[in-house]
Amino acid sequence: MNKYLAEFIGTFWLVFGGCGSAIFAAAFPELRIGFLGVALAFDLTVLTGAFALRHISGED
């Protein structure tokens, strides 16, 4: 059960961080997030999610 919860949290984190930055980039162009900012947001959410949840998934 813990693995499923970790997967849910990781997916939520990815959608919240990555897709949220894409929405902000499209809705508020004055913030100047751009393609690079959205790509970095996706990368950083995957990185932080993997480091935060790797002990639960058993992929040490």
PDB file of N, CA and C in Angstrom:
ATOM      1  N   MET A   1       0.813  -1.201   0.000  1.00  0.00           N
ATOM      2  CA  MET A   1       0.000   0.000   0.000  1.00  0.00           C
ATOM      3  C   MET A   1       0.853   1.260   0.000  1.00  0.00           C
ATOM      4  N   ASN A   2       2.001   1.219   0.689  1.00  0.00           N
ATOM      5  CA  ASN A   2       2.858   2.388   0.747  1.00  0.00           C
ATOM      6  C   ASN A   2       3.404   2.761  -0.624  1.00  0.00           C
ATOM      7  N   LYS A   3       3.672   1.745  -1.468  1.00  0.00           N
ATOM      8  CA  LYS A   3       4.183   2.024  -2.807  1.00  0.00           C
ATOM      9  C   LYS A   3       3.144   2.752  -3.649  1.00  0.00           C
ATOM     10  N   TYR A   4       1.883   2.380  -3.499  1.00  0.00           N
ATOM     11  CA  TYR A   4       0.825   3.041  -4.245  1.00  0.00           C
ATOM     12  C   TYR A   4       0.640   4.487  -3.784  1.00  0.00           C
ATOM     13  N   LEU A   5       0.733   4.690  -2.498  1.00  0.00           N
ATOM     14  CA  LEU A   5       0.624   6.042  -1.972  1.00  0.00           C
ATOM     15  C   LEU A   5       1.797   6.898  -2.430  1.00  0.00           C
ATOM     16  N   ALA A   6       2.982   6.327  -2.435  1.00  0.00           N
ATOM     17  CA  ALA A   6       4.153   7.059  -2.921  1.00  0.00           C
ATOM     18  C   ALA A   6       4.011   7.395  -4.400  1.00  0.00           C
ATOM     19  N   GLU A   7       3.477   6.481  -5.178  1.00  0.00           N
ATOM     20  CA  GLU A   7       3.249   6.741  -6.606  1.00  0.00           C
ATOM     21  C   GLU A   7       2.230   7.855  -6.796  1.00  0.00           C
ATOM     22  N   PHE A   8       1.173   7.834  -5.986  1.00  0.00           N
ATOM     23  CA  PHE A   8       0.163   8.888  -6.062  1.00  0.00           C
ATOM     24  C   PHE A   8       0.760  10.247  -5.707  1.00  0.00           C
ATOM     25  N   ILE A   9       1.529  10.296  -4.635  1.00  0.00           N
ATOM     26  CA  ILE A   9       2.145  11.555  -4.211  1.00  0.00           C
ATOM     27  C   ILE A   9       3.133  12.047  -5.258  1.00  0.00           C
ATOM     28  N   GLY A  10       3.923  11.141  -5.820  1.00  0.00           N
ATOM     29  CA  GLY A  10       4.873  11.528  -6.858  1.00  0.00           C
ATOM     30  C   GLY A  10       4.186  12.064  -8.101  1.00  0.00           C
ATOM     31  N   THR A  11       3.097  11.423  -8.504  1.00  0.00           N
ATOM     32  CA  THR A  11       2.349  11.897  -9.669  1.00  0.00           C
ATOM     33  C   THR A  11       1.706  13.242  -9.391  1.00  0.00           C
ATOM     34  N   PHE A  12       1.153  13.387  -8.201  1.00  0.00           N
ATOM     35  CA  PHE A  12       0.578  14.680  -7.833  1.00  0.00           C
ATOM     36  C   PHE A  12       1.642  15.776  -7.859  1.00  0.00           C
ATOM     37  N   TRP A  13       2.815  15.474  -7.323  1.00  0.00           N
ATOM     38  CA  TRP A  13       3.902  16.441  -7.281  1.00  0.00           C
ATOM     39  C   TRP A  13       4.331  16.845  -8.691  1.00  0.00           C
ATOM     40  N   LEU A  14       4.406  15.879  -9.591  1.00  0.00           N
ATOM     41  CA  LEU A  14       4.805  16.158 -10.966  1.00  0.00           C
ATOM     42  C   LEU A  14       3.774  17.022 -11.666  1.00  0.00           C
ATOM     43  N   VAL A  15       2.506  16.687 -11.524  1.00  0.00           N
ATOM     44  CA  VAL A  15       1.458  17.475 -12.167  1.00  0.00           C
ATOM     45  C   VAL A  15       1.378  18.864 -11.542  1.00  0.00           C
ATOM     46  N   PHE A  16       1.477  18.935 -10.225  1.00  0.00           N
ATOM     47  CA  PHE A  16       1.393  20.228  -9.537  1.00  0.00           C
ATOM     48  C   PHE A  16       2.549  21.133  -9.932  1.00  0.00           C
ATOM     49  N   GLY A  17       3.769  20.615  -9.917  1.00  0.00           N
ATOM     50  CA  GLY A  17       4.933  21.439 -10.218  1.00  0.00           C
ATOM     51  C   GLY A  17       5.143  21.681 -11.695  1.00  0.00           C
ATOM     52  N   GLY A  18       5.092  20.626 -12.486  1.00  0.00           N
ATOM     53  CA  GLY A  18       5.372  20.754 -13.913  1.00  0.00           C
ATOM     54  C   GLY A  18       4.245  21.413 -14.682  1.00  0.00           C
ATOM     55  N   CYS A  19       3.063  20.849 -14.574  1.00  0.00           N
ATOM     56  CA  CYS A  19       1.926  21.416 -15.303  1.00  0.00           C
ATOM     57  C   CYS A  19       1.509  22.767 -14.736  1.00  0.00           C
ATOM     58  N   GLY A  20       1.697  22.943 -13.438  1.00  0.00           N
ATOM     59  CA  GLY A  20       1.401  24.250 -12.844  1.00  0.00           C
ATOM     60  C   GLY A  20       2.285  25.348 -13.408  1.00  0.00           C
ATOM     61  N   SER A  21       3.560  25.039 -13.607  1.00  0.00           N
ATOM     62  CA  SER A  21       4.451  26.043 -14.193  1.00  0.00           C
ATOM     63  C   SER A  21       4.077  26.320 -15.648  1.00  0.00           C
ATOM     64  N   ALA A  22       3.623  25.306 -16.382  1.00  0.00           N
ATOM     65  CA  ALA A  22       3.187  25.518 -17.761  1.00  0.00           C
ATOM     66  C   ALA A  22       1.947  26.400 -17.816  1.00  0.00           C
ATOM     67  N   ILE A  23       1.040  26.206 -16.861  1.00  0.00           N
ATOM     68  CA  ILE A  23      -0.154  27.039 -16.813  1.00  0.00           C
ATOM     69  C   ILE A  23       0.220  28.484 -16.492  1.00  0.00           C
ATOM     70  N   PHE A  24       1.122  28.664 -15.513  1.00  0.00           N
ATOM     71  CA  PHE A  24       1.570  30.017 -15.199  1.00  0.00           C
ATOM     72  C   PHE A  24       2.281  30.666 -16.375  1.00  0.00           C
ATOM     73  N   ALA A  25       3.075  29.901 -17.107  1.00  0.00           N
ATOM     74  CA  ALA A  25       3.788  30.445 -18.258  1.00  0.00           C
ATOM     75  C   ALA A  25       2.816  30.900 -19.342  1.00  0.00           C
ATOM     76  N   ALA A  26       1.724  30.151 -19.536  1.00  0.00           N
ATOM     77  CA  ALA A  26       0.756  30.506 -20.565  1.00  0.00           C
ATOM     78  C   ALA A  26      -0.171  31.634 -20.113  1.00  0.00           C
ATOM     79  N   ALA A  27      -0.560  31.620 -18.856  1.00  0.00           N
ATOM     80  CA  ALA A  27      -1.537  32.591 -18.379  1.00  0.00           C
ATOM     81  C   ALA A  27      -0.918  33.944 -18.044  1.00  0.00           C
ATOM     82  N   PHE A  28       0.343  33.940 -17.620  1.00  0.00           N
ATOM     83  CA  PHE A  28       1.001  35.175 -17.208  1.00  0.00           C
ATOM     84  C   PHE A  28       2.328  35.332 -17.949  1.00  0.00           C
ATOM     85  N   PRO A  29       2.278  35.760 -19.208  1.00  0.00           N
ATOM     86  CA  PRO A  29       3.532  35.883 -19.972  1.00  0.00           C
ATOM     87  C   PRO A  29       4.481  36.941 -19.408  1.00  0.00           C
ATOM     88  N   GLU A  30       3.960  37.850 -18.604  1.00  0.00           N
ATOM     89  CA  GLU A  30       4.831  38.873 -18.012  1.00  0.00           C
ATOM     90  C   GLU A  30       5.772  38.286 -16.965  1.00  0.00           C
ATOM     91  N   LEU A  31       5.507  37.077 -16.486  1.00  0.00           N
ATOM     92  CA  LEU A  31       6.424  36.413 -15.557  1.00  0.00           C
ATOM     93  C   LEU A  31       7.679  35.910 -16.256  1.00  0.00           C
ATOM     94  N   ARG A  32       7.607  35.754 -17.571  1.00  0.00           N
ATOM     95  CA  ARG A  32       8.735  35.343 -18.409  1.00  0.00           C
ATOM     96  C   ARG A  32       9.334  34.010 -17.959  1.00  0.00           C
ATOM     97  N   ILE A  33       8.465  33.031 -17.717  1.00  0.00           N
ATOM     98  CA  ILE A  33       8.936  31.699 -17.354  1.00  0.00           C
ATOM     99  C   ILE A  33       9.522  31.016 -18.577  1.00  0.00           C
ATOM    100  N   GLY A  34       8.781  30.993 -19.661  1.00  0.00           N
ATOM    101  CA  GLY A  34       9.266  30.463 -20.924  1.00  0.00           C
ATOM    102  C   GLY A  34       9.418  28.953 -20.938  1.00  0.00           C
ATOM    103  N   PHE A  35       9.896  28.463 -22.079  1.00  0.00           N
ATOM    104  CA  PHE A  35      10.063  27.017 -22.256  1.00  0.00           C
ATOM    105  C   PHE A  35      11.132  26.454 -21.326  1.00  0.00           C
ATOM    106  N   LEU A  36      12.188  27.185 -21.157  1.00  0.00           N
ATOM    107  CA  LEU A  36      13.267  26.713 -20.293  1.00  0.00           C
ATOM    108  C   LEU A  36      12.802  26.606 -18.838  1.00  0.00           C
ATOM    109  N   GLY A  37      12.037  27.565 -18.382  1.00  0.00           N
ATOM    110  CA  GLY A  37      11.515  27.523 -17.020  1.00  0.00           C
ATOM    111  C   GLY A  37      10.569  26.363 -16.796  1.00  0.00           C
ATOM    112  N   VAL A  38       9.732  26.078 -17.778  1.00  0.00           N
ATOM    113  CA  VAL A  38       8.812  24.949 -17.664  1.00  0.00           C
ATOM    114  C   VAL A  38       9.591  23.637 -17.670  1.00  0.00           C
ATOM    115  N   ALA A  39      10.588  23.538 -18.538  1.00  0.00           N
ATOM    116  CA  ALA A  39      11.409  22.321 -18.583  1.00  0.00           C
ATOM    117  C   ALA A  39      12.157  22.118 -17.266  1.00  0.00           C
ATOM    118  N   LEU A  40      12.694  23.179 -16.713  1.00  0.00           N
ATOM    119  CA  LEU A  40      13.384  23.072 -15.430  1.00  0.00           C
ATOM    120  C   LEU A  40      12.424  22.714 -14.305  1.00  0.00           C
ATOM    121  N   ALA A  41      11.218  23.220 -14.365  1.00  0.00           N
ATOM    122  CA  ALA A  41      10.226  22.874 -13.345  1.00  0.00           C
ATOM    123  C   ALA A  41       9.898  21.389 -13.393  1.00  0.00           C
ATOM    124  N   PHE A  42       9.725  20.844 -14.592  1.00  0.00           N
ATOM    125  CA  PHE A  42       9.478  19.410 -14.715  1.00  0.00           C
ATOM    126  C   PHE A  42      10.674  18.621 -14.202  1.00  0.00           C
ATOM    127  N   ASP A  43      11.872  19.034 -14.596  1.00  0.00           N
ATOM    128  CA  ASP A  43      13.075  18.324 -14.156  1.00  0.00           C
ATOM    129  C   ASP A  43      13.219  18.344 -12.638  1.00  0.00           C
ATOM    130  N   LEU A  44      13.009  19.488 -12.041  1.00  0.00           N
ATOM    131  CA  LEU A  44      13.191  19.605 -10.594  1.00  0.00           C
ATOM    132  C   LEU A  44      12.108  18.860  -9.814  1.00  0.00           C
ATOM    133  N   THR A  45      10.886  18.799 -10.345  1.00  0.00           N
ATOM    134  CA  THR A  45       9.860  18.044  -9.639  1.00  0.00           C
ATOM    135  C   THR A  45      10.143  16.549  -9.707  1.00  0.00           C
ATOM    136  N   VAL A  46      10.641  16.065 -10.847  1.00  0.00           N
ATOM    137  CA  VAL A  46      11.005  14.648 -10.932  1.00  0.00           C
ATOM    138  C   VAL A  46      12.165  14.356  -9.992  1.00  0.00           C
ATOM    139  N   LEU A  47      13.152  15.239  -9.975  1.00  0.00           N
ATOM    140  CA  LEU A  47      14.321  15.040  -9.123  1.00  0.00           C
ATOM    141  C   LEU A  47      13.940  15.026  -7.649  1.00  0.00           C
ATOM    142  N   THR A  48      13.182  16.007  -7.210  1.00  0.00           N
ATOM    143  CA  THR A  48      12.817  16.064  -5.793  1.00  0.00           C
ATOM    144  C   THR A  48      11.875  14.928  -5.415  1.00  0.00           C
ATOM    145  N   GLY A  49      10.968  14.558  -6.312  1.00  0.00           N
ATOM    146  CA  GLY A  49      10.078  13.435  -6.023  1.00  0.00           C
ATOM    147  C   GLY A  49      10.832  12.123  -5.911  1.00  0.00           C
ATOM    148  N   ALA A  50      11.801  11.926  -6.793  1.00  0.00           N
ATOM    149  CA  ALA A  50      12.579  10.691  -6.749  1.00  0.00           C
ATOM    150  C   ALA A  50      13.412  10.611  -5.474  1.00  0.00           C
ATOM    151  N   PHE A  51      14.034  11.707  -5.104  1.00  0.00           N
ATOM    152  CA  PHE A  51      14.844  11.686  -3.880  1.00  0.00           C
ATOM    153  C   PHE A  51      13.978  11.562  -2.628  1.00  0.00           C
ATOM    154  N   ALA A  52      12.811  12.162  -2.641  1.00  0.00           N
ATOM    155  CA  ALA A  52      11.953  12.126  -1.453  1.00  0.00           C
ATOM    156  C   ALA A  52      11.265  10.776  -1.262  1.00  0.00           C
ATOM    157  N   LEU A  53      10.971  10.088  -2.359  1.00  0.00           N
ATOM    158  CA  LEU A  53      10.146   8.877  -2.256  1.00  0.00           C
ATOM    159  C   LEU A  53      10.891   7.599  -2.599  1.00  0.00           C
ATOM    160  N   ARG A  54      12.172   7.667  -2.855  1.00  0.00           N
ATOM    161  CA  ARG A  54      12.892   6.458  -3.288  1.00  0.00           C
ATOM    162  C   ARG A  54      12.993   5.404  -2.196  1.00  0.00           C
ATOM    163  N   HIS A  55      13.020   5.798  -0.944  1.00  0.00           N
ATOM    164  CA  HIS A  55      13.111   4.807   0.124  1.00  0.00           C
ATOM    165  C   HIS A  55      11.827   4.006   0.265  1.00  0.00           C
ATOM    166  N   ILE A  56      10.718   4.542  -0.184  1.00  0.00           N
ATOM    167  CA  ILE A  56       9.447   3.830  -0.103  1.00  0.00           C
ATOM    168  C   ILE A  56       9.313   2.812  -1.238  1.00  0.00           C
ATOM    169  N   SER A  57       9.787   3.180  -2.417  1.00  0.00           N
ATOM    170  CA  SER A  57       9.625   2.300  -3.568  1.00  0.00           C
ATOM    171  C   SER A  57      10.602   1.143  -3.561  1.00  0.00           C
ATOM    172  N   GLY A  58      11.630   1.209  -2.734  1.00  0.00           N
ATOM    173  CA  GLY A  58      12.595   0.133  -2.644  1.00  0.00           C
ATOM    174  C   GLY A  58      13.665   0.190  -3.710  1.00  0.00           C
ATOM    175  N   GLU A  59      13.881   1.327  -4.311  1.00  0.00           N
ATOM    176  CA  GLU A  59      14.847   1.483  -5.386  1.00  0.00           C
ATOM    177  C   GLU A  59      16.123   2.131  -4.887  1.00  0.00           C
ATOM    178  N   ASP A  60      16.597   1.748  -3.724  1.00  0.00           N
ATOM    179  CA  ASP A  60      17.820   2.353  -3.175  1.00  0.00           C
ATOM    180  C   ASP A  60      18.947   1.949  -3.995  1.00  0.00           C
TER     181      ASP A  60
END
